[in-house]
Every structure is written in C-alpha cells, then in structure tokens.
N, C-alpha and C. Protein backbone atom coordinates (compact mmCIF):
# COMPACT_ATOMS: atom_id res chain seq x y z
N MET A 1 2.45 21.63 -10.74
CA MET A 1 2.96 21.34 -9.41
C MET A 1 3.75 22.51 -8.85
N ALA A 2 4.39 23.24 -9.74
CA ALA A 2 5.12 24.42 -9.28
C ALA A 2 4.15 25.41 -8.66
N ASP A 3 2.97 25.59 -9.29
CA ASP A 3 1.95 26.48 -8.74
C ASP A 3 1.45 25.98 -7.40
N ALA A 4 1.34 24.67 -7.25
CA ALA A 4 0.87 24.11 -6.00
C ALA A 4 1.83 24.45 -4.87
N SER A 5 3.12 24.41 -5.14
CA SER A 5 4.11 24.76 -4.12
C SER A 5 4.00 26.22 -3.74
N LYS A 6 3.78 27.08 -4.72
CA LYS A 6 3.65 28.51 -4.46
C LYS A 6 2.39 28.83 -3.69
N ASN A 7 1.35 28.03 -3.87
CA ASN A 7 0.07 28.30 -3.24
C ASN A 7 -0.06 27.70 -1.85
N GLY A 8 1.01 27.21 -1.30
CA GLY A 8 0.98 26.75 0.08
C GLY A 8 0.59 25.29 0.26
N VAL A 9 0.50 24.52 -0.81
CA VAL A 9 0.20 23.09 -0.67
C VAL A 9 1.41 22.44 -0.03
N ALA A 10 1.17 21.56 0.91
CA ALA A 10 2.27 20.92 1.63
C ALA A 10 3.23 20.23 0.66
N GLN A 11 4.51 20.42 0.89
CA GLN A 11 5.54 19.82 0.03
C GLN A 11 5.41 18.29 0.02
N GLU A 12 5.02 17.75 1.13
CA GLU A 12 4.84 16.29 1.22
C GLU A 12 3.78 15.80 0.24
N ALA A 13 2.70 16.54 0.11
CA ALA A 13 1.63 16.16 -0.82
C ALA A 13 2.14 16.19 -2.26
N VAL A 14 2.93 17.20 -2.58
CA VAL A 14 3.49 17.30 -3.92
C VAL A 14 4.41 16.12 -4.19
N GLN A 15 5.23 15.75 -3.21
CA GLN A 15 6.14 14.61 -3.36
C GLN A 15 5.35 13.31 -3.54
N ASN A 16 4.25 13.16 -2.81
CA ASN A 16 3.42 11.95 -2.96
C ASN A 16 2.84 11.85 -4.36
N ILE A 17 2.46 12.98 -4.94
CA ILE A 17 1.93 12.98 -6.30
C ILE A 17 3.02 12.54 -7.27
N LYS A 18 4.21 13.07 -7.09
CA LYS A 18 5.34 12.70 -7.97
C LYS A 18 5.65 11.21 -7.84
N ARG A 19 5.65 10.70 -6.60
CA ARG A 19 5.96 9.29 -6.35
C ARG A 19 4.91 8.38 -6.97
N SER A 20 3.64 8.72 -6.81
CA SER A 20 2.57 7.86 -7.31
C SER A 20 2.56 7.79 -8.83
N SER A 21 3.06 8.82 -9.49
CA SER A 21 3.09 8.79 -10.95
C SER A 21 4.17 7.84 -11.47
N LYS A 22 5.09 7.42 -10.61
CA LYS A 22 6.16 6.51 -11.01
C LYS A 22 5.86 5.07 -10.63
N THR A 23 4.69 4.80 -10.06
CA THR A 23 4.33 3.46 -9.66
C THR A 23 4.09 2.60 -10.89
N MET A 24 4.60 1.38 -10.85
CA MET A 24 4.46 0.47 -11.98
C MET A 24 3.05 -0.12 -11.98
N THR A 25 2.45 -0.16 -13.15
CA THR A 25 1.12 -0.76 -13.28
C THR A 25 1.26 -2.27 -13.44
N GLU A 26 0.17 -2.97 -13.19
CA GLU A 26 0.16 -4.42 -13.36
C GLU A 26 0.46 -4.78 -14.81
N ALA A 27 -0.11 -4.04 -15.75
CA ALA A 27 0.11 -4.32 -17.17
C ALA A 27 1.58 -4.16 -17.54
N GLU A 28 2.21 -3.11 -17.02
CA GLU A 28 3.63 -2.89 -17.28
C GLU A 28 4.47 -4.01 -16.67
N ALA A 29 4.12 -4.42 -15.46
CA ALA A 29 4.85 -5.50 -14.79
C ALA A 29 4.75 -6.80 -15.60
N ARG A 30 3.57 -7.10 -16.09
CA ARG A 30 3.38 -8.32 -16.89
C ARG A 30 4.18 -8.24 -18.19
N GLN A 31 4.22 -7.06 -18.79
CA GLN A 31 4.96 -6.88 -20.03
C GLN A 31 6.46 -7.07 -19.79
N ILE A 32 6.98 -6.52 -18.72
CA ILE A 32 8.40 -6.63 -18.40
C ILE A 32 8.80 -8.10 -18.21
N LEU A 33 7.97 -8.84 -17.48
CA LEU A 33 8.29 -10.25 -17.21
C LEU A 33 7.86 -11.18 -18.33
N GLY A 34 7.07 -10.69 -19.26
CA GLY A 34 6.63 -11.52 -20.37
C GLY A 34 5.62 -12.57 -19.95
N VAL A 35 4.69 -12.19 -19.08
CA VAL A 35 3.65 -13.11 -18.61
C VAL A 35 2.28 -12.53 -18.91
N THR A 36 1.27 -13.37 -18.85
CA THR A 36 -0.10 -12.93 -19.10
C THR A 36 -0.89 -12.95 -17.80
N GLU A 37 -2.14 -12.52 -17.87
CA GLU A 37 -3.02 -12.55 -16.70
C GLU A 37 -3.29 -13.99 -16.25
N ASP A 38 -3.17 -14.93 -17.19
CA ASP A 38 -3.43 -16.34 -16.88
C ASP A 38 -2.21 -17.07 -16.34
N SER A 39 -1.06 -16.41 -16.29
CA SER A 39 0.17 -17.06 -15.82
C SER A 39 0.07 -17.39 -14.34
N SER A 40 0.61 -18.54 -13.98
CA SER A 40 0.63 -18.95 -12.57
C SER A 40 1.76 -18.20 -11.86
N TRP A 41 1.68 -18.19 -10.53
CA TRP A 41 2.73 -17.54 -9.75
C TRP A 41 4.07 -18.23 -9.99
N GLU A 42 4.06 -19.54 -10.16
CA GLU A 42 5.29 -20.29 -10.41
C GLU A 42 5.93 -19.84 -11.73
N GLU A 43 5.11 -19.62 -12.75
CA GLU A 43 5.63 -19.15 -14.03
C GLU A 43 6.21 -17.75 -13.90
N ILE A 44 5.55 -16.91 -13.14
CA ILE A 44 6.04 -15.54 -12.92
C ILE A 44 7.40 -15.58 -12.23
N VAL A 45 7.53 -16.40 -11.20
CA VAL A 45 8.80 -16.51 -10.47
C VAL A 45 9.90 -17.06 -11.37
N GLN A 46 9.55 -18.03 -12.20
CA GLN A 46 10.53 -18.62 -13.12
C GLN A 46 11.03 -17.55 -14.11
N LYS A 47 10.12 -16.77 -14.67
CA LYS A 47 10.51 -15.69 -15.59
C LYS A 47 11.37 -14.65 -14.86
N TYR A 48 10.96 -14.31 -13.64
CA TYR A 48 11.71 -13.35 -12.84
C TYR A 48 13.15 -13.84 -12.62
N ASP A 49 13.29 -15.08 -12.16
CA ASP A 49 14.62 -15.63 -11.88
C ASP A 49 15.50 -15.60 -13.13
N ASN A 50 14.93 -16.01 -14.26
CA ASN A 50 15.66 -16.05 -15.52
C ASN A 50 16.13 -14.65 -15.93
N LEU A 51 15.20 -13.69 -15.93
CA LEU A 51 15.54 -12.33 -16.35
C LEU A 51 16.51 -11.66 -15.37
N PHE A 52 16.31 -11.88 -14.08
CA PHE A 52 17.17 -11.26 -13.08
C PHE A 52 18.60 -11.76 -13.23
N GLU A 53 18.76 -13.08 -13.38
CA GLU A 53 20.10 -13.66 -13.54
C GLU A 53 20.76 -13.21 -14.84
N ARG A 54 20.01 -13.20 -15.92
CA ARG A 54 20.56 -12.80 -17.21
C ARG A 54 21.06 -11.36 -17.15
N ASN A 55 20.29 -10.49 -16.50
CA ASN A 55 20.72 -9.09 -16.38
C ASN A 55 21.84 -8.91 -15.38
N ALA A 56 21.97 -9.81 -14.41
CA ALA A 56 23.09 -9.76 -13.47
C ALA A 56 24.39 -10.07 -14.22
N LYS A 57 24.34 -11.06 -15.11
CA LYS A 57 25.53 -11.43 -15.89
C LYS A 57 25.95 -10.29 -16.80
N ASN A 58 24.98 -9.55 -17.32
CA ASN A 58 25.27 -8.41 -18.21
C ASN A 58 25.53 -7.13 -17.45
N ARG A 59 25.44 -7.20 -16.12
CA ARG A 59 25.64 -6.03 -15.24
C ARG A 59 24.71 -4.88 -15.56
N SER A 60 23.47 -5.24 -15.88
CA SER A 60 22.47 -4.22 -16.17
C SER A 60 21.61 -4.03 -14.92
N PHE A 61 22.11 -3.19 -14.01
CA PHE A 61 21.43 -3.00 -12.74
C PHE A 61 20.08 -2.30 -12.92
N TYR A 62 19.99 -1.44 -13.92
CA TYR A 62 18.71 -0.77 -14.19
C TYR A 62 17.65 -1.80 -14.57
N LEU A 63 18.00 -2.71 -15.49
CA LEU A 63 17.02 -3.73 -15.89
C LEU A 63 16.72 -4.69 -14.75
N GLN A 64 17.72 -5.00 -13.95
CA GLN A 64 17.46 -5.84 -12.77
C GLN A 64 16.44 -5.18 -11.85
N SER A 65 16.57 -3.89 -11.66
CA SER A 65 15.63 -3.20 -10.77
C SER A 65 14.23 -3.19 -11.36
N LYS A 66 14.12 -3.02 -12.68
CA LYS A 66 12.80 -3.05 -13.32
C LYS A 66 12.17 -4.44 -13.17
N VAL A 67 12.96 -5.49 -13.35
CA VAL A 67 12.46 -6.86 -13.21
C VAL A 67 12.01 -7.09 -11.77
N HIS A 68 12.80 -6.60 -10.81
CA HIS A 68 12.46 -6.77 -9.39
C HIS A 68 11.18 -6.02 -9.05
N ARG A 69 11.04 -4.79 -9.53
CA ARG A 69 9.82 -4.01 -9.27
C ARG A 69 8.60 -4.66 -9.91
N ALA A 70 8.79 -5.27 -11.07
CA ALA A 70 7.68 -5.97 -11.73
C ALA A 70 7.22 -7.14 -10.87
N LYS A 71 8.16 -7.89 -10.34
CA LYS A 71 7.80 -9.02 -9.47
C LYS A 71 7.08 -8.51 -8.22
N GLU A 72 7.59 -7.44 -7.62
CA GLU A 72 6.94 -6.87 -6.44
C GLU A 72 5.50 -6.46 -6.74
N CYS A 73 5.30 -5.85 -7.88
CA CYS A 73 3.96 -5.41 -8.27
C CYS A 73 3.02 -6.61 -8.40
N LEU A 74 3.49 -7.67 -9.04
CA LEU A 74 2.64 -8.84 -9.25
C LEU A 74 2.45 -9.65 -7.97
N GLU A 75 3.36 -9.52 -7.02
CA GLU A 75 3.17 -10.17 -5.72
C GLU A 75 1.90 -9.67 -5.05
N GLU A 76 1.66 -8.38 -5.19
CA GLU A 76 0.45 -7.79 -4.60
C GLU A 76 -0.81 -8.40 -5.20
N VAL A 77 -0.77 -8.68 -6.49
CA VAL A 77 -1.92 -9.25 -7.18
C VAL A 77 -2.12 -10.72 -6.81
N HIS A 78 -1.02 -11.45 -6.68
CA HIS A 78 -1.07 -12.89 -6.45
C HIS A 78 -1.02 -13.27 -4.97
N LYS A 79 -0.88 -12.27 -4.10
CA LYS A 79 -0.80 -12.56 -2.66
C LYS A 79 -2.09 -13.24 -2.22
N PRO A 80 -1.96 -14.38 -1.52
CA PRO A 80 -3.20 -15.06 -1.07
C PRO A 80 -3.99 -14.16 -0.13
N LYS A 81 -5.30 -14.20 -0.31
CA LYS A 81 -6.18 -13.41 0.54
C LYS A 81 -6.23 -14.03 1.94
N GLU A 82 -6.10 -13.18 2.96
CA GLU A 82 -6.20 -13.67 4.32
C GLU A 82 -7.66 -13.83 4.70
N PRO A 83 -7.97 -14.91 5.40
CA PRO A 83 -9.38 -15.09 5.79
C PRO A 83 -9.84 -13.97 6.72
N GLU A 84 -11.07 -13.56 6.51
CA GLU A 84 -11.63 -12.49 7.34
C GLU A 84 -11.95 -13.04 8.72
N THR A 85 -11.67 -12.24 9.74
CA THR A 85 -12.00 -12.65 11.11
C THR A 85 -13.28 -11.93 11.52
N LYS A 86 -14.11 -12.64 12.25
CA LYS A 86 -15.38 -12.05 12.66
C LYS A 86 -15.36 -11.71 14.12
C-alpha cells in the first residue's frame, strides 16, 4: 500500500482497501454471538442482548462494540427481502 501511495493511487482508494479489510465476516459474527446458520433472528437478538448487557456490567466497551458489530453484520443477512417492483 505504501507503493500505491507513491505511485499516485488516490488516497481514498487506499483508505477503502484498509477499511474493507476490517469488515466483520458473517462467520466471525456468528462465532462472537455463539449462534449457528440455523439460528432464528429471535435467538440472535437474545444472545446479543445477553452479551451486550454482561459486557456493560463489566465495562468492557471493546467487547460491547464487537457484539454490536456482530449483530449489525447478521442484520444484513436476516433482513427481509423487499418485494421487487415491476
């Protein structure tokens, strides 16, 4: 990436590459929340609430953020599909 900056590649593109490498995968999100691919959305939310509250009591803001990002990631997977308009 350092070479890319020297070669005139837009700084924004380099930043986008760095950002995308930090994106949480679905597998990582499931592992953090302790759920499987077969888990219902209700089970995911229940695990999220439990872990978020437990880490709030322990003042572990880093773990709270990981739990929150995991839920956000899985929301994308479980979001109901909007009907197509013709």
